[in-house]
PDB file of N, CA and C in Angstrom:
ATOM      1  N   MET A   1     269.144 -79.617 -37.832  1.00  0.00           N
ATOM      2  CA  MET A   1     268.464 -80.736 -37.940  1.00  0.00           C
ATOM      3  C   MET A   1     266.900 -80.012 -37.158  1.00  0.00           C
ATOM      4  N   ARG A   2     266.613 -79.129 -36.685  1.00  0.00           N
ATOM      5  CA  ARG A   2     265.575 -78.658 -36.485  1.00  0.00           C
ATOM      6  C   ARG A   2     264.600 -78.747 -37.397  1.00  0.00           C
ATOM      7  N   MET A   3     265.057 -78.519 -38.633  1.00  0.00           N
ATOM      8  CA  MET A   3     264.142 -78.294 -40.000  1.00  0.00           C
ATOM      9  C   MET A   3     263.564 -79.692 -40.199  1.00  0.00           C
ATOM     10  N   ALA A   4     265.208 -80.659 -40.327  1.00  0.00           N
ATOM     11  CA  ALA A   4     264.770 -82.095 -40.817  1.00  0.00           C
ATOM     12  C   ALA A   4     263.606 -82.656 -39.470  1.00  0.00           C
ATOM     13  N   GLN A   5     263.281 -82.505 -38.314  1.00  0.00           N
ATOM     14  CA  GLN A   5     262.795 -82.939 -37.362  1.00  0.00           C
ATOM     15  C   GLN A   5     261.081 -82.417 -37.791  1.00  0.00           C
ATOM     16  N   GLN A   6     260.860 -80.735 -38.354  1.00  0.00           N
ATOM     17  CA  GLN A   6     259.612 -80.470 -38.376  1.00  0.00           C
ATOM     18  C   GLN A   6     259.260 -81.207 -39.751  1.00  0.00           C
ATOM     19  N   VAL A   7     259.706 -81.284 -40.415  1.00  0.00           N
ATOM     20  CA  VAL A   7     259.426 -82.088 -41.718  1.00  0.00           C
ATOM     21  C   VAL A   7     259.303 -83.394 -41.379  1.00  0.00           C
ATOM     22  N   LYS A   8     259.973 -84.230 -40.722  1.00  0.00           N
ATOM     23  CA  LYS A   8     259.649 -85.742 -40.406  1.00  0.00           C
ATOM     24  C   LYS A   8     258.263 -85.800 -39.423  1.00  0.00           C
ATOM     25  N   ASP A   9     257.687 -84.435 -38.624  1.00  0.00           N
ATOM     26  CA  ASP A   9     256.462 -84.388 -37.473  1.00  0.00           C
ATOM     27  C   ASP A   9     255.882 -84.227 -38.633  1.00  0.00           C
ATOM     28  N   ILE A  10     255.785 -83.756 -40.011  1.00  0.00           N
ATOM     29  CA  ILE A  10     254.444 -83.884 -40.961  1.00  0.00           C
ATOM     30  C   ILE A  10     254.638 -84.918 -41.714  1.00  0.00           C
ATOM     31  N   LEU A  11     255.830 -85.765 -42.098  1.00  0.00           N
ATOM     32  CA  LEU A  11     256.179 -87.097 -42.698  1.00  0.00           C
ATOM     33  C   LEU A  11     256.486 -87.800 -41.809  1.00  0.00           C
ATOM     34  N   PRO A  12     255.937 -88.879 -41.013  1.00  0.00           N
ATOM     35  CA  PRO A  12     256.571 -89.654 -40.337  1.00  0.00           C
ATOM     36  C   PRO A  12     257.246 -90.784 -41.280  1.00  0.00           C
ATOM     37  N   HIS A  13     256.197 -91.021 -42.192  1.00  0.00           N
ATOM     38  CA  HIS A  13     257.390 -92.257 -43.152  1.00  0.00           C
ATOM     39  C   HIS A  13     258.017 -92.020 -44.080  1.00  0.00           C
ATOM     40  N   VAL A  14     258.797 -90.888 -44.031  1.00  0.00           N
ATOM     41  CA  VAL A  14     260.188 -90.560 -44.684  1.00  0.00           C
ATOM     42  C   VAL A  14     261.168 -90.936 -44.077  1.00  0.00           C
ATOM     43  N   PRO A  15     262.143 -91.519 -44.465  1.00  0.00           N
ATOM     44  CA  PRO A  15     263.735 -91.471 -43.644  1.00  0.00           C
ATOM     45  C   PRO A  15     264.330 -90.543 -43.433  1.00  0.00           C
ATOM     46  N   ILE A  16     264.601 -90.274 -41.975  1.00  0.00           N
ATOM     47  CA  ILE A  16     265.284 -88.992 -41.761  1.00  0.00           C
ATOM     48  C   ILE A  16     266.458 -88.701 -42.420  1.00  0.00           C
ATOM     49  N   HIS A  17     267.141 -89.715 -43.224  1.00  0.00           N
ATOM     50  CA  HIS A  17     268.542 -89.188 -44.142  1.00  0.00           C
ATOM     51  C   HIS A  17     268.004 -88.370 -45.279  1.00  0.00           C
ATOM     52  N   VAL A  18     267.038 -88.725 -46.270  1.00  0.00           N
ATOM     53  CA  VAL A  18     266.037 -88.495 -46.698  1.00  0.00           C
ATOM     54  C   VAL A  18     265.971 -87.136 -46.873  1.00  0.00           C
ATOM     55  N   ILE A  19     265.098 -86.440 -45.445  1.00  0.00           N
ATOM     56  CA  ILE A  19     264.878 -85.392 -45.358  1.00  0.00           C
ATOM     57  C   ILE A  19     265.607 -84.588 -45.160  1.00  0.00           C
ATOM     58  N   VAL A  20     266.857 -84.853 -44.323  1.00  0.00           N
ATOM     59  CA  VAL A  20     267.915 -84.248 -44.229  1.00  0.00           C
ATOM     60  C   VAL A  20     268.686 -83.616 -45.630  1.00  0.00           C
ATOM     61  N   SER A  21     268.946 -84.611 -46.314  1.00  0.00           N
ATOM     62  CA  SER A  21     269.506 -84.473 -47.366  1.00  0.00           C
ATOM     63  C   SER A  21     268.910 -83.552 -48.308  1.00  0.00           C
ATOM     64  N   ASP A  22     267.867 -83.466 -48.325  1.00  0.00           N
ATOM     65  CA  ASP A  22     266.695 -82.369 -48.803  1.00  0.00           C
ATOM     66  C   ASP A  22     266.968 -81.043 -48.520  1.00  0.00           C
ATOM     67  N   VAL A  23     266.757 -80.620 -46.893  1.00  0.00           N
ATOM     68  CA  VAL A  23     266.670 -79.597 -46.238  1.00  0.00           C
ATOM     69  C   VAL A  23     268.214 -78.890 -46.405  1.00  0.00           C
ATOM     70  N   GLU A  24     269.157 -80.008 -46.562  1.00  0.00           N
ATOM     71  CA  GLU A  24     270.484 -79.250 -46.733  1.00  0.00           C
ATOM     72  C   GLU A  24     270.646 -78.617 -47.982  1.00  0.00           C
ATOM     73  N   ARG A  25     270.056 -79.174 -48.841  1.00  0.00           N
ATOM     74  CA  ARG A  25     269.869 -78.360 -50.252  1.00  0.00           C
ATOM     75  C   ARG A  25     269.168 -77.162 -50.427  1.00  0.00           C
ATOM     76  N   THR A  26     268.029 -77.512 -50.050  1.00  0.00           N
ATOM     77  CA  THR A  26     266.775 -76.619 -50.496  1.00  0.00           C
ATOM     78  C   THR A  26     266.820 -75.474 -49.343  1.00  0.00           C
ATOM     79  N   LYS A  27     267.282 -75.597 -47.986  1.00  0.00           N
ATOM     80  CA  LYS A  27     267.247 -75.040 -47.053  1.00  0.00           C
ATOM     81  C   LYS A  27     266.065 -73.906 -46.592  1.00  0.00           C
ATOM     82  N   SER A  28     264.792 -74.574 -46.710  1.00  0.00           N
ATOM     83  CA  SER A  28     263.455 -74.889 -46.448  1.00  0.00           C
ATOM     84  C   SER A  28     262.797 -76.150 -45.850  1.00  0.00           C
ATOM     85  N   VAL A  29     261.942 -75.748 -45.447  1.00  0.00           N
ATOM     86  CA  VAL A  29     261.263 -76.914 -44.792  1.00  0.00           C
ATOM     87  C   VAL A  29     259.892 -77.246 -45.457  1.00  0.00           C
ATOM     88  N   ASP A  30     259.611 -76.030 -46.034  1.00  0.00           N
ATOM     89  CA  ASP A  30     258.322 -76.248 -47.148  1.00  0.00           C
ATOM     90  C   ASP A  30     258.464 -76.534 -48.685  1.00  0.00           C
ATOM     91  N   ILE A  31     259.605 -76.144 -49.099  1.00  0.00           N
ATOM     92  CA  ILE A  31     260.111 -76.431 -49.971  1.00  0.00           C
ATOM     93  C   ILE A  31     260.427 -78.383 -50.502  1.00  0.00           C
ATOM     94  N   THR A  32     261.083 -78.566 -48.891  1.00  0.00           N
ATOM     95  CA  THR A  32     261.694 -80.141 -48.577  1.00  0.00           C
ATOM     96  C   THR A  32     259.947 -80.618 -48.707  1.00  0.00           C
ATOM     97  N   VAL A  33     259.183 -80.288 -48.144  1.00  0.00           N
ATOM     98  CA  VAL A  33     257.990 -80.980 -47.928  1.00  0.00           C
ATOM     99  C   VAL A  33     257.233 -81.098 -49.599  1.00  0.00           C
ATOM    100  N   THR A  34     257.542 -80.115 -50.126  1.00  0.00           N
ATOM    101  CA  THR A  34     256.428 -79.884 -51.420  1.00  0.00           C
ATOM    102  C   THR A  34     257.350 -80.943 -52.231  1.00  0.00           C
ATOM    103  N   ASN A  35     258.676 -80.803 -52.225  1.00  0.00           N
ATOM    104  CA  ASN A  35     259.572 -81.790 -53.241  1.00  0.00           C
ATOM    105  C   ASN A  35     259.289 -83.459 -52.752  1.00  0.00           C
ATOM    106  N   ILE A  36     259.325 -83.551 -51.394  1.00  0.00           N
ATOM    107  CA  ILE A  36     258.724 -84.951 -51.174  1.00  0.00           C
ATOM    108  C   ILE A  36     257.146 -85.250 -51.527  1.00  0.00           C
ATOM    109  N   LEU A  37     256.112 -84.497 -51.539  1.00  0.00           N
ATOM    110  CA  LEU A  37     254.935 -84.828 -51.862  1.00  0.00           C
ATOM    111  C   LEU A  37     254.585 -84.765 -53.327  1.00  0.00           C
ATOM    112  N   GLU A  38     255.354 -83.972 -53.792  1.00  0.00           N
ATOM    113  CA  GLU A  38     255.274 -84.062 -55.348  1.00  0.00           C
ATOM    114  C   GLU A  38     256.336 -85.558 -55.971  1.00  0.00           C
ATOM    115  N   GLY A  39     257.066 -85.971 -55.280  1.00  0.00           N
ATOM    116  CA  GLY A  39     257.865 -87.152 -55.711  1.00  0.00           C
ATOM    117  C   GLY A  39     259.006 -86.235 -56.222  1.00  0.00           C
ATOM    118  N   VAL A  40     259.813 -85.158 -56.165  1.00  0.00           N
ATOM    119  CA  VAL A  40     260.891 -84.982 -56.458  1.00  0.00           C
ATOM    120  C   VAL A  40     261.761 -85.559 -56.351  1.00  0.00           C
ATOM    121  N   VAL A  41     261.444 -85.990 -54.592  1.00  0.00           N
ATOM    122  CA  VAL A  41     262.552 -86.634 -53.855  1.00  0.00           C
ATOM    123  C   VAL A  41     262.436 -88.187 -53.750  1.00  0.00           C
ATOM    124  N   THR A  42     262.811 -89.365 -53.961  1.00  0.00           N
ATOM    125  CA  THR A  42     262.303 -90.318 -54.072  1.00  0.00           C
ATOM    126  C   THR A  42     262.969 -91.346 -52.717  1.00  0.00           C
ATOM    127  N   PHE A  43     262.067 -92.311 -52.155  1.00  0.00           N
ATOM    128  CA  PHE A  43     262.793 -93.089 -50.838  1.00  0.00           C
ATOM    129  C   PHE A  43     261.547 -94.021 -50.764  1.00  0.00           C
ATOM    130  N   VAL A  44     261.982 -95.009 -49.808  1.00  0.00           N
ATOM    131  CA  VAL A  44     261.638 -96.116 -49.407  1.00  0.00           C
ATOM    132  C   VAL A  44     260.980 -95.244 -48.130  1.00  0.00           C
ATOM    133  N   ALA A  45     259.279 -95.829 -47.781  1.00  0.00           N
ATOM    134  CA  ALA A  45     259.056 -95.412 -46.877  1.00  0.00           C
ATOM    135  C   ALA A  45     259.325 -96.387 -45.780  1.00  0.00           C
ATOM    136  N   GLU A  46     259.282 -95.547 -44.400  1.00  0.00           N
ATOM    137  CA  GLU A  46     260.052 -96.380 -43.473  1.00  0.00           C
ATOM    138  C   GLU A  46     258.696 -97.180 -42.791  1.00  0.00           C
ATOM    139  N   ASP A  47     258.882 -98.592 -42.245  1.00  0.00           N
ATOM    140  CA  ASP A  47     258.272 -99.364 -41.528  1.00  0.00           C
ATOM    141  C   ASP A  47     257.318 -98.633 -40.483  1.00  0.00           C
ATOM    142  N   PRO A  48     256.063 -98.609 -41.134  1.00  0.00           N
ATOM    143  CA  PRO A  48     255.050 -97.693 -39.773  1.00  0.00           C
ATOM    144  C   PRO A  48     254.862 -98.600 -38.641  1.00  0.00           C
ATOM    145  N   THR A  49     255.463 -99.962 -38.195  1.00  0.00           N
ATOM    146  CA  THR A  49     255.641-100.564 -37.258  1.00  0.00           C
ATOM    147  C   THR A  49     256.988 -99.973 -35.850  1.00  0.00           C
ATOM    148  N   VAL A  50     257.616 -99.528 -36.716  1.00  0.00           N
ATOM    149  CA  VAL A  50     258.554 -98.816 -35.850  1.00  0.00           C
ATOM    150  C   VAL A  50     258.863 -97.712 -35.077  1.00  0.00           C
ATOM    151  N   ALA A  51     258.526 -97.760 -33.998  1.00  0.00           N
ATOM    152  CA  ALA A  51     257.949 -96.608 -33.436  1.00  0.00           C
ATOM    153  C   ALA A  51     259.354 -95.562 -32.857  1.00  0.00           C
ATOM    154  N   THR A  52     259.199 -94.215 -33.108  1.00  0.00           N
ATOM    155  CA  THR A  52     260.110 -93.471 -32.867  1.00  0.00           C
ATOM    156  C   THR A  52     259.549 -92.583 -31.612  1.00  0.00           C
ATOM    157  N   ASP A  53     260.249 -91.518 -31.387  1.00  0.00           N
ATOM    158  CA  ASP A  53     259.650 -91.110 -29.891  1.00  0.00           C
ATOM    159  C   ASP A  53     258.745 -90.384 -30.459  1.00  0.00           C
ATOM    160  N   THR A  54     258.509 -89.434 -31.803  1.00  0.00           N
ATOM    161  CA  THR A  54     257.445 -88.768 -32.139  1.00  0.00           C
ATOM    162  C   THR A  54     256.582 -89.407 -32.543  1.00  0.00           C
ATOM    163  N   ASP A  55     256.417 -90.618 -33.050  1.00  0.00           N
ATOM    164  CA  ASP A  55     255.356 -91.464 -32.830  1.00  0.00           C
ATOM    165  C   ASP A  55     254.582 -92.042 -31.892  1.00  0.00           C
ATOM    166  N   SER A  56     255.485 -91.740 -30.716  1.00  0.00           N
ATOM    167  CA  SER A  56     255.007 -92.464 -29.234  1.00  0.00           C
ATOM    168  C   SER A  56     254.403 -91.428 -28.720  1.00  0.00           C
ATOM    169  N   LYS A  57     254.203 -89.919 -29.096  1.00  0.00           N
ATOM    170  CA  LYS A  57     253.820 -89.141 -28.739  1.00  0.00           C
ATOM    171  C   LYS A  57     252.103 -88.855 -28.979  1.00  0.00           C
ATOM    172  N   VAL A  58     252.158 -89.165 -29.990  1.00  0.00           N
ATOM    173  CA  VAL A  58     250.575 -88.930 -30.665  1.00  0.00           C
ATOM    174  C   VAL A  58     250.223 -90.183 -31.283  1.00  0.00           C
ATOM    175  N   LYS A  59     249.213 -90.603 -31.376  1.00  0.00           N
ATOM    176  CA  LYS A  59     248.651 -91.894 -32.157  1.00  0.00           C
ATOM    177  C   LYS A  59     247.558 -91.044 -32.923  1.00  0.00           C
ATOM    178  N   VAL A  60     247.489 -91.488 -34.227  1.00  0.00           N
ATOM    179  CA  VAL A  60     246.614 -90.832 -35.187  1.00  0.00           C
ATOM    180  C   VAL A  60     245.801 -92.113 -35.770  1.00  0.00           C
ATOM    181  N   ALA A  61     244.333 -92.063 -35.562  1.00  0.00           N
ATOM    182  CA  ALA A  61     243.832 -92.896 -36.619  1.00  0.00           C
ATOM    183  C   ALA A  61     243.932 -92.760 -38.193  1.00  0.00           C
ATOM    184  N   THR A  62     244.244 -93.785 -38.712  1.00  0.00           N
ATOM    185  CA  THR A  62     244.241 -93.227 -40.010  1.00  0.00           C
ATOM    186  C   THR A  62     243.382 -94.155 -40.504  1.00  0.00           C
ATOM    187  N   LYS A  63     242.554 -93.208 -41.701  1.00  0.00           N
ATOM    188  CA  LYS A  63     241.638 -93.864 -42.604  1.00  0.00           C
ATOM    189  C   LYS A  63     241.865 -94.619 -43.501  1.00  0.00           C
ATOM    190  N   VAL A  64     241.298 -95.696 -43.922  1.00  0.00           N
ATOM    191  CA  VAL A  64     241.603 -96.505 -45.320  1.00  0.00           C
ATOM    192  C   VAL A  64     240.855 -95.668 -46.164  1.00  0.00           C
ATOM    193  N   ARG A  65     241.464 -95.392 -46.906  1.00  0.00           N
ATOM    194  CA  ARG A  65     240.679 -94.346 -48.195  1.00  0.00           C
ATOM    195  C   ARG A  65     241.044 -95.114 -49.659  1.00  0.00           C
ATOM    196  N   THR A  66     239.860 -95.018 -50.424  1.00  0.00           N
ATOM    197  CA  THR A  66     239.909 -95.810 -51.609  1.00  0.00           C
ATOM    198  C   THR A  66     240.808 -94.742 -52.982  1.00  0.00           C
ATOM    199  N   PRO A  67     241.401 -95.358 -53.810  1.00  0.00           N
ATOM    200  CA  PRO A  67     241.899 -94.421 -54.807  1.00  0.00           C
ATOM    201  C   PRO A  67     240.887 -93.328 -55.267  1.00  0.00           C
ATOM    202  N   VAL A  68     241.464 -92.244 -55.718  1.00  0.00           N
ATOM    203  CA  VAL A  68     240.515 -91.537 -56.348  1.00  0.00           C
ATOM    204  C   VAL A  68     239.736 -92.133 -57.569  1.00  0.00           C
ATOM    205  N   ASN A  69     240.881 -92.191 -58.569  1.00  0.00           N
ATOM    206  CA  ASN A  69     240.844 -92.779 -60.264  1.00  0.00           C
ATOM    207  C   ASN A  69     241.626 -93.969 -60.197  1.00  0.00           C
ATOM    208  N   PRO A  70     241.027 -95.524 -59.927  1.00  0.00           N
ATOM    209  CA  PRO A  70     242.131 -96.501 -60.132  1.00  0.00           C
ATOM    210  C   PRO A  70     242.713 -96.596 -61.609  1.00  0.00           C
ATOM    211  N   SER A  71     242.061 -95.948 -62.543  1.00  0.00           N
ATOM    212  CA  SER A  71     242.529 -96.551 -63.756  1.00  0.00           C
ATOM    213  C   SER A  71     243.384 -95.307 -64.530  1.00  0.00           C
ATOM    214  N   PHE A  72     244.104 -95.764 -65.870  1.00  0.00           N
ATOM    215  CA  PHE A  72     245.294 -94.480 -66.059  1.00  0.00           C
ATOM    216  C   PHE A  72     244.127 -94.184 -67.248  1.00  0.00           C
ATOM    217  N   SER A  73     244.216 -92.621 -67.292  1.00  0.00           N
ATOM    218  CA  SER A  73     243.513 -91.769 -68.378  1.00  0.00           C
ATOM    219  C   SER A  73     244.436 -91.701 -69.739  1.00  0.00           C
ATOM    220  N   ARG A  74     243.837 -91.835 -70.426  1.00  0.00           N
ATOM    221  CA  ARG A  74     244.716 -91.418 -71.577  1.00  0.00           C
ATOM    222  C   ARG A  74     244.631 -89.963 -72.013  1.00  0.00           C
ATOM    223  N   ASP A  75     243.888 -89.268 -71.338  1.00  0.00           N
ATOM    224  CA  ASP A  75     243.734 -87.717 -71.292  1.00  0.00           C
ATOM    225  C   ASP A  75     244.697 -86.961 -70.447  1.00  0.00           C
ATOM    226  N   PRO A  76     245.781 -86.129 -70.906  1.00  0.00           N
ATOM    227  CA  PRO A  76     246.575 -85.679 -69.955  1.00  0.00           C
ATOM    228  C   PRO A  76     246.218 -84.909 -68.909  1.00  0.00           C
ATOM    229  N   ASN A  77     244.996 -83.995 -68.948  1.00  0.00           N
ATOM    230  CA  ASN A  77     244.025 -83.171 -68.313  1.00  0.00           C
ATOM    231  C   ASN A  77     243.442 -83.999 -67.077  1.00  0.00           C
ATOM    232  N   ARG A  78     243.304 -85.045 -67.333  1.00  0.00           N
ATOM    233  CA  ARG A  78     242.347 -85.851 -66.314  1.00  0.00           C
ATOM    234  C   ARG A  78     243.604 -86.695 -65.279  1.00  0.00           C
ATOM    235  N   ARG A  79     244.438 -86.880 -66.279  1.00  0.00           N
ATOM    236  CA  ARG A  79     245.599 -87.365 -65.246  1.00  0.00           C
ATOM    237  C   ARG A  79     246.220 -86.481 -64.387  1.00  0.00           C
ATOM    238  N   HIS A  80     246.494 -85.276 -64.755  1.00  0.00           N
ATOM    239  CA  HIS A  80     246.844 -84.049 -63.942  1.00  0.00           C
ATOM    240  C   HIS A  80     245.658 -83.861 -63.034  1.00  0.00           C
ATOM    241  N   MET A  81     244.592 -84.185 -63.122  1.00  0.00           N
ATOM    242  CA  MET A  81     243.857 -83.613 -61.733  1.00  0.00           C
ATOM    243  C   MET A  81     243.606 -85.300 -60.767  1.00  0.00           C
ATOM    244  N   THR A  82     243.642 -86.709 -61.468  1.00  0.00           N
ATOM    245  CA  THR A  82     244.152 -87.401 -60.285  1.00  0.00           C
ATOM    246  C   THR A  82     245.359 -87.378 -59.511  1.00  0.00           C
ATOM    247  N   LEU A  83     246.390 -87.096 -60.347  1.00  0.00           N
ATOM    248  CA  LEU A  83     247.210 -86.169 -59.499  1.00  0.00           C
ATOM    249  C   LEU A  83     247.075 -85.577 -58.490  1.00  0.00           C
ATOM    250  N   GLN A  84     246.640 -84.545 -58.924  1.00  0.00           N
ATOM    251  CA  GLN A  84     246.280 -83.595 -58.197  1.00  0.00           C
ATOM    252  C   GLN A  84     245.831 -83.729 -56.546  1.00  0.00           C
ATOM    253  N   GLU A  85     244.667 -84.645 -56.958  1.00  0.00           N
ATOM    254  CA  GLU A  85     243.859 -85.328 -56.031  1.00  0.00           C
ATOM    255  C   GLU A  85     244.459 -85.990 -55.029  1.00  0.00           C
ATOM    256  N   LYS A  86     245.187 -86.606 -55.359  1.00  0.00           N
ATOM    257  CA  LYS A  86     246.072 -87.527 -54.613  1.00  0.00           C
ATOM    258  C   LYS A  86     247.178 -86.529 -53.826  1.00  0.00           C
ATOM    259  N   LYS A  87     247.377 -85.598 -54.695  1.00  0.00           N
ATOM    260  CA  LYS A  87     248.296 -84.834 -53.465  1.00  0.00           C
ATOM    261  C   LYS A  87     247.677 -84.146 -52.767  1.00  0.00           C
ATOM    262  N   ASP A  88     246.342 -83.685 -53.011  1.00  0.00           N
ATOM    263  CA  ASP A  88     244.933 -83.200 -52.036  1.00  0.00           C
ATOM    264  C   ASP A  88     245.287 -83.775 -50.458  1.00  0.00           C
ATOM    265  N   GLU A  89     244.889 -84.967 -51.251  1.00  0.00           N
ATOM    266  CA  GLU A  89     244.925 -86.241 -50.098  1.00  0.00           C
ATOM    267  C   GLU A  89     245.728 -86.447 -49.091  1.00  0.00           C
ATOM    268  N   PHE A  90     247.009 -86.367 -49.886  1.00  0.00           N
ATOM    269  CA  PHE A  90     247.970 -86.679 -49.011  1.00  0.00           C
ATOM    270  C   PHE A  90     248.497 -85.403 -48.084  1.00  0.00           C
ATOM    271  N   ILE A  91     248.144 -84.406 -48.554  1.00  0.00           N
ATOM    272  CA  ILE A  91     248.517 -83.445 -47.850  1.00  0.00           C
ATOM    273  C   ILE A  91     247.406 -83.148 -46.623  1.00  0.00           C
ATOM    274  N   ALA A  92     246.440 -83.276 -46.615  1.00  0.00           N
ATOM    275  CA  ALA A  92     245.238 -83.363 -45.959  1.00  0.00           C
ATOM    276  C   ALA A  92     245.489 -84.279 -44.828  1.00  0.00           C
ATOM    277  N   VAL A  93     246.022 -85.467 -44.939  1.00  0.00           N
ATOM    278  CA  VAL A  93     246.152 -86.455 -43.965  1.00  0.00           C
ATOM    279  C   VAL A  93     247.531 -85.990 -43.160  1.00  0.00           C
ATOM    280  N   ALA A  94     248.726 -85.214 -43.868  1.00  0.00           N
ATOM    281  CA  ALA A  94     249.535 -84.709 -43.363  1.00  0.00           C
ATOM    282  C   ALA A  94     249.014 -84.019 -42.160  1.00  0.00           C
ATOM    283  N   ARG A  95     248.192 -82.801 -42.735  1.00  0.00           N
ATOM    284  CA  ARG A  95     247.637 -81.615 -41.925  1.00  0.00           C
ATOM    285  C   ARG A  95     246.939 -82.180 -40.597  1.00  0.00           C
ATOM    286  N   GLU A  96     246.012 -83.463 -40.787  1.00  0.00           N
ATOM    287  CA  GLU A  96     245.615 -83.903 -39.962  1.00  0.00           C
ATOM    288  C   GLU A  96     246.257 -84.368 -38.508  1.00  0.00           C
ATOM    289  N   LYS A  97     247.582 -85.173 -39.229  1.00  0.00           N
ATOM    290  CA  LYS A  97     248.247 -85.946 -37.887  1.00  0.00           C
ATOM    291  C   LYS A  97     248.975 -84.429 -37.396  1.00  0.00           C
ATOM    292  N   TYR A  98     249.338 -83.658 -38.277  1.00  0.00           N
ATOM    293  CA  TYR A  98     250.347 -82.232 -37.742  1.00  0.00           C
ATOM    294  C   TYR A  98     249.553 -81.680 -36.656  1.00  0.00           C
ATOM    295  N   ILE A  99     248.124 -81.140 -36.704  1.00  0.00           N
ATOM    296  CA  ILE A  99     247.149 -80.640 -35.875  1.00  0.00           C
ATOM    297  C   ILE A  99     246.711 -81.424 -34.770  1.00  0.00           C
ATOM    298  N   ALA A 100     246.603 -83.168 -34.766  1.00  0.00           N
ATOM    299  CA  ALA A 100     246.708 -83.469 -33.925  1.00  0.00           C
ATOM    300  C   ALA A 100     247.736 -83.868 -32.850  1.00  0.00           C
ATOM    301  N   LYS A 101     249.350 -83.977 -33.617  1.00  0.00           N
ATOM    302  CA  LYS A 101     249.952 -84.002 -32.674  1.00  0.00           C
ATOM    303  C   LYS A 101     250.227 -82.557 -31.868  1.00  0.00           C
ATOM    304  N   HIS A 102     250.336 -81.549 -32.635  1.00  0.00           N
ATOM    305  CA  HIS A 102     250.540 -80.151 -31.895  1.00  0.00           C
ATOM    306  C   HIS A 102     249.218 -79.737 -31.099  1.00  0.00           C
ATOM    307  N   GLY A 103     247.890 -80.190 -31.193  1.00  0.00           N
ATOM    308  CA  GLY A 103     246.887 -79.802 -30.391  1.00  0.00           C
ATOM    309  C   GLY A 103     246.359 -78.787 -31.057  1.00  0.00           C
ATOM    310  N   LEU A 104     246.340 -78.541 -32.018  1.00  0.00           N
ATOM    311  CA  LEU A 104     245.928 -77.004 -32.685  1.00  0.00           C
ATOM    312  C   LEU A 104     244.369 -77.254 -33.162  1.00  0.00           C
TER     313      LEU A 104
END
């Protein structure tokens, strides 16, 4: 359960039962986070208005970000780069929240 809580701290919008299921399968926080970020694990995001005890400890202002490339490219290399940019952005936001929460 400790590993699941670590993932929940990084990705608070992911339901805990989804996290627990993947952590039990992978036995790794890093692999579970990667699976979630890359879309290997599918889930319906939790309502952000529902406060948990971890949410009440730290409030991080989220920035409204525009999509990197709102159109779907026919070029597979461009599509890959767009997905990579989205992944990098998602990781950066998760990292900011983690750093703010733990005061690093």
